[in-house]
């Protein structure tokens, strides 16, 4: 499956993150846009670009790696080189 990956610096702004509490609602159709936390503008811009390129998938660490699971997070972070190198496009 072709996907894009977003490489960015989070900065000091807190926004929507994947957690054990919201993972199921985020997996639902339209779930990303029905959350109470805002989606950071950099992610919104990447979504717009991916859609304009007529691609379907965007990998974003903040929304793809559970942020409240330290052990799982560490494992996923160790795989990021593969995620970025296998992406069709890294933004």
N, C-alpha and C. Protein backbone atom coordinates (compact mmCIF):
# COMPACT_ATOMS: atom_id res chain seq x y z
N UNK A 1 0.85 -1.18 0.00
CA UNK A 1 0.00 0.00 0.00
C UNK A 1 0.89 1.23 0.00
N UNK A 2 0.59 2.16 -0.89
CA UNK A 2 1.35 3.42 -0.92
C UNK A 2 0.83 4.35 0.17
N UNK A 3 1.76 4.96 0.87
CA UNK A 3 1.39 5.93 1.91
C UNK A 3 2.42 7.03 1.95
N UNK A 4 2.01 8.15 2.50
CA UNK A 4 2.91 9.27 2.76
C UNK A 4 3.19 9.27 4.25
N UNK A 5 4.32 9.84 4.62
CA UNK A 5 4.67 9.98 6.03
C UNK A 5 4.96 11.45 6.29
N UNK A 6 4.59 11.90 7.46
CA UNK A 6 4.83 13.28 7.84
C UNK A 6 5.97 13.33 8.84
N UNK A 7 7.00 14.09 8.51
CA UNK A 7 8.13 14.31 9.41
C UNK A 7 8.08 15.77 9.84
N UNK A 8 7.96 16.00 11.14
CA UNK A 8 7.79 17.37 11.63
C UNK A 8 8.22 17.44 13.08
N UNK A 9 8.31 18.65 13.59
CA UNK A 9 8.63 18.88 15.00
C UNK A 9 7.34 19.29 15.69
N UNK A 10 7.01 18.60 16.76
CA UNK A 10 5.75 18.88 17.46
C UNK A 10 5.71 20.29 18.01
N UNK A 11 6.81 20.79 18.51
CA UNK A 11 6.81 22.11 19.12
C UNK A 11 6.08 22.08 20.45
N UNK A 12 5.65 23.22 20.92
CA UNK A 12 4.99 23.31 22.22
C UNK A 12 3.49 23.18 22.16
N UNK A 13 2.93 22.99 20.98
CA UNK A 13 1.48 22.93 20.82
C UNK A 13 0.99 21.51 21.05
N UNK A 14 0.03 21.35 21.95
CA UNK A 14 -0.57 20.05 22.19
C UNK A 14 -1.84 19.95 21.35
N UNK A 15 -1.98 18.85 20.70
CA UNK A 15 -3.17 18.61 19.90
C UNK A 15 -3.57 17.16 20.04
N UNK A 16 -4.35 16.73 19.12
CA UNK A 16 -4.84 15.35 19.13
C UNK A 16 -3.69 14.36 19.07
N UNK A 17 -3.74 13.35 19.93
CA UNK A 17 -2.75 12.28 19.96
C UNK A 17 -3.48 10.95 20.09
N UNK A 18 -2.86 9.90 19.58
CA UNK A 18 -3.41 8.55 19.73
C UNK A 18 -3.12 8.06 21.14
N UNK A 19 -4.16 7.62 21.82
CA UNK A 19 -4.03 7.06 23.17
C UNK A 19 -4.91 5.81 23.28
N UNK A 20 -4.74 5.10 24.37
CA UNK A 20 -5.58 3.92 24.59
C UNK A 20 -7.04 4.31 24.77
N UNK A 21 -7.31 5.54 25.16
CA UNK A 21 -8.69 5.98 25.37
C UNK A 21 -9.41 6.34 24.07
N UNK A 22 -8.67 6.81 23.06
CA UNK A 22 -9.35 7.25 21.84
C UNK A 22 -9.04 6.39 20.62
N UNK A 23 -8.28 5.32 20.78
CA UNK A 23 -7.88 4.52 19.62
C UNK A 23 -9.09 3.98 18.84
N UNK A 24 -10.10 3.52 19.54
CA UNK A 24 -11.26 2.94 18.85
C UNK A 24 -12.07 4.01 18.13
N UNK A 25 -12.25 5.15 18.74
CA UNK A 25 -13.01 6.21 18.07
C UNK A 25 -12.23 6.78 16.88
N UNK A 26 -10.90 6.79 16.97
CA UNK A 26 -10.10 7.26 15.83
C UNK A 26 -10.13 6.28 14.67
N UNK A 27 -10.38 5.03 14.95
CA UNK A 27 -10.43 4.02 13.89
C UNK A 27 -11.77 4.03 13.14
N UNK A 28 -12.75 4.71 13.67
CA UNK A 28 -14.05 4.78 13.01
C UNK A 28 -13.99 5.77 11.85
N UNK A 29 -14.82 5.55 10.86
CA UNK A 29 -14.91 6.46 9.71
C UNK A 29 -15.23 7.88 10.21
N UNK A 30 -14.42 8.84 9.85
CA UNK A 30 -14.61 10.23 10.27
C UNK A 30 -14.15 10.50 11.69
N UNK A 31 -13.58 9.49 12.33
CA UNK A 31 -13.18 9.62 13.73
C UNK A 31 -12.13 10.69 13.99
N UNK A 32 -11.28 10.90 13.03
CA UNK A 32 -10.22 11.90 13.21
C UNK A 32 -10.80 13.29 13.42
N UNK A 33 -11.88 13.57 12.73
CA UNK A 33 -12.45 14.92 12.78
C UNK A 33 -13.58 15.06 13.80
N UNK A 34 -13.83 14.01 14.58
CA UNK A 34 -14.90 14.08 15.58
C UNK A 34 -14.34 14.11 17.00
N UNK A 35 -13.07 14.37 17.14
CA UNK A 35 -12.42 14.39 18.45
C UNK A 35 -12.51 15.78 19.08
N UNK A 36 -12.53 15.86 20.42
CA UNK A 36 -12.59 17.18 21.07
C UNK A 36 -11.28 17.96 20.95
N UNK A 37 -10.14 17.26 20.81
CA UNK A 37 -8.86 17.95 20.69
C UNK A 37 -8.66 18.39 19.24
N UNK A 38 -8.01 19.53 19.05
CA UNK A 38 -7.77 20.00 17.68
C UNK A 38 -6.69 19.19 16.98
N UNK A 39 -6.81 19.09 15.68
CA UNK A 39 -5.77 18.48 14.86
C UNK A 39 -4.77 19.59 14.55
N UNK A 40 -3.49 19.41 14.88
CA UNK A 40 -2.51 20.46 14.59
C UNK A 40 -2.53 20.87 13.12
N UNK A 41 -2.31 22.14 12.86
CA UNK A 41 -2.39 22.69 11.51
C UNK A 41 -1.42 21.97 10.56
N UNK A 42 -0.24 21.63 11.03
CA UNK A 42 0.73 20.94 10.16
C UNK A 42 0.16 19.60 9.69
N UNK A 43 -0.60 18.93 10.53
CA UNK A 43 -1.21 17.66 10.14
C UNK A 43 -2.37 17.92 9.18
N UNK A 44 -3.17 18.94 9.45
CA UNK A 44 -4.26 19.30 8.55
C UNK A 44 -3.71 19.62 7.16
N UNK A 45 -2.61 20.37 7.11
CA UNK A 45 -2.01 20.72 5.82
C UNK A 45 -1.50 19.47 5.09
N UNK A 46 -0.92 18.54 5.83
CA UNK A 46 -0.44 17.30 5.21
C UNK A 46 -1.60 16.48 4.67
N UNK A 47 -2.70 16.43 5.40
CA UNK A 47 -3.90 15.72 4.93
C UNK A 47 -4.39 16.33 3.62
N UNK A 48 -4.41 17.65 3.56
CA UNK A 48 -4.84 18.35 2.34
C UNK A 48 -3.92 18.00 1.18
N UNK A 49 -2.61 18.00 1.41
CA UNK A 49 -1.65 17.67 0.36
C UNK A 49 -1.82 16.24 -0.12
N UNK A 50 -1.95 15.31 0.80
CA UNK A 50 -2.10 13.89 0.42
C UNK A 50 -3.38 13.71 -0.41
N UNK A 51 -4.44 14.37 -0.02
CA UNK A 51 -5.69 14.28 -0.79
C UNK A 51 -5.51 14.90 -2.18
N UNK A 52 -4.80 16.02 -2.27
CA UNK A 52 -4.57 16.67 -3.56
C UNK A 52 -3.72 15.78 -4.49
N UNK A 53 -2.86 14.99 -3.90
CA UNK A 53 -2.03 14.06 -4.68
C UNK A 53 -2.80 12.78 -5.04
N UNK A 54 -4.05 12.73 -4.59
CA UNK A 54 -4.93 11.57 -4.82
C UNK A 54 -4.37 10.29 -4.18
N UNK A 55 -3.74 10.48 -3.03
CA UNK A 55 -3.27 9.35 -2.24
C UNK A 55 -4.23 9.19 -1.07
N UNK A 56 -4.19 8.03 -0.45
CA UNK A 56 -5.20 7.73 0.56
C UNK A 56 -4.67 7.73 1.99
N UNK A 57 -3.41 7.39 2.19
CA UNK A 57 -2.91 7.16 3.54
C UNK A 57 -1.79 8.13 3.91
N UNK A 58 -1.85 8.58 5.15
CA UNK A 58 -0.82 9.45 5.72
C UNK A 58 -0.44 8.89 7.09
N UNK A 59 0.84 8.61 7.26
CA UNK A 59 1.34 8.13 8.55
C UNK A 59 1.87 9.34 9.32
N UNK A 60 1.33 9.52 10.52
CA UNK A 60 1.74 10.62 11.41
C UNK A 60 2.03 10.00 12.77
N UNK A 61 3.24 10.18 13.26
CA UNK A 61 3.61 9.52 14.51
C UNK A 61 2.65 9.83 15.65
N UNK A 62 2.25 11.05 15.77
CA UNK A 62 1.36 11.49 16.84
C UNK A 62 0.02 10.77 16.82
N UNK A 63 -0.38 10.33 15.62
CA UNK A 63 -1.67 9.66 15.46
C UNK A 63 -1.54 8.19 15.10
N UNK A 64 -0.32 7.70 15.01
CA UNK A 64 -0.09 6.30 14.65
C UNK A 64 0.59 5.50 15.75
N UNK A 65 1.22 6.20 16.67
CA UNK A 65 1.91 5.55 17.78
C UNK A 65 1.18 5.92 19.07
N UNK A 66 0.66 4.94 19.82
CA UNK A 66 -0.01 5.27 21.09
C UNK A 66 0.95 6.04 22.02
N UNK A 67 0.52 7.21 22.40
CA UNK A 67 1.39 8.10 23.17
C UNK A 67 1.37 7.81 24.67
N UNK A 68 0.46 6.98 25.12
CA UNK A 68 0.37 6.67 26.56
C UNK A 68 0.85 5.25 26.88
N UNK A 69 1.61 4.66 25.98
CA UNK A 69 2.17 3.32 26.18
C UNK A 69 3.68 3.41 25.99
N UNK A 70 4.43 3.71 27.06
CA UNK A 70 5.87 3.94 26.93
C UNK A 70 6.63 2.81 26.24
N UNK A 71 6.34 1.57 26.59
CA UNK A 71 7.04 0.42 26.00
C UNK A 71 6.71 0.30 24.51
N UNK A 72 5.44 0.36 24.19
CA UNK A 72 5.02 0.28 22.79
C UNK A 72 5.53 1.45 21.98
N UNK A 73 5.52 2.62 22.60
CA UNK A 73 6.00 3.83 21.94
C UNK A 73 7.48 3.69 21.58
N UNK A 74 8.27 3.20 22.51
CA UNK A 74 9.69 3.01 22.27
C UNK A 74 9.92 2.03 21.12
N UNK A 75 9.14 0.94 21.10
CA UNK A 75 9.27 -0.04 20.01
C UNK A 75 8.92 0.61 18.67
N UNK A 76 7.83 1.33 18.62
CA UNK A 76 7.39 1.96 17.37
C UNK A 76 8.41 3.01 16.90
N UNK A 77 8.95 3.77 17.83
CA UNK A 77 9.95 4.78 17.47
C UNK A 77 11.17 4.11 16.84
N UNK A 78 11.52 2.94 17.34
CA UNK A 78 12.68 2.23 16.79
C UNK A 78 12.42 1.76 15.36
N UNK A 79 11.17 1.75 14.92
CA UNK A 79 10.81 1.32 13.57
C UNK A 79 10.63 2.49 12.60
N UNK A 80 10.79 3.71 13.08
CA UNK A 80 10.49 4.87 12.25
C UNK A 80 11.37 4.96 11.01
N UNK A 81 12.61 4.48 11.07
CA UNK A 81 13.45 4.52 9.88
C UNK A 81 12.81 3.71 8.75
N UNK A 82 12.23 2.57 9.08
CA UNK A 82 11.56 1.75 8.08
C UNK A 82 10.30 2.43 7.57
N UNK A 83 9.58 3.05 8.46
CA UNK A 83 8.34 3.73 8.07
C UNK A 83 8.64 4.84 7.07
N UNK A 84 9.64 5.66 7.38
CA UNK A 84 9.98 6.76 6.47
C UNK A 84 10.60 6.25 5.17
N UNK A 85 11.47 5.25 5.24
CA UNK A 85 12.14 4.78 4.02
C UNK A 85 11.19 4.04 3.08
N UNK A 86 10.11 3.48 3.60
CA UNK A 86 9.16 2.75 2.76
C UNK A 86 8.00 3.62 2.28
N UNK A 87 7.93 4.84 2.77
CA UNK A 87 6.86 5.74 2.35
C UNK A 87 7.02 6.12 0.88
N UNK A 88 5.91 6.27 0.21
CA UNK A 88 5.92 6.74 -1.18
C UNK A 88 6.48 8.16 -1.22
N UNK A 89 6.11 8.94 -0.21
CA UNK A 89 6.54 10.34 -0.11
C UNK A 89 6.63 10.69 1.37
N UNK A 90 7.68 11.39 1.76
CA UNK A 90 7.78 11.93 3.11
C UNK A 90 7.65 13.44 3.01
N UNK A 91 6.72 13.97 3.76
CA UNK A 91 6.46 15.41 3.77
C UNK A 91 7.25 16.02 4.92
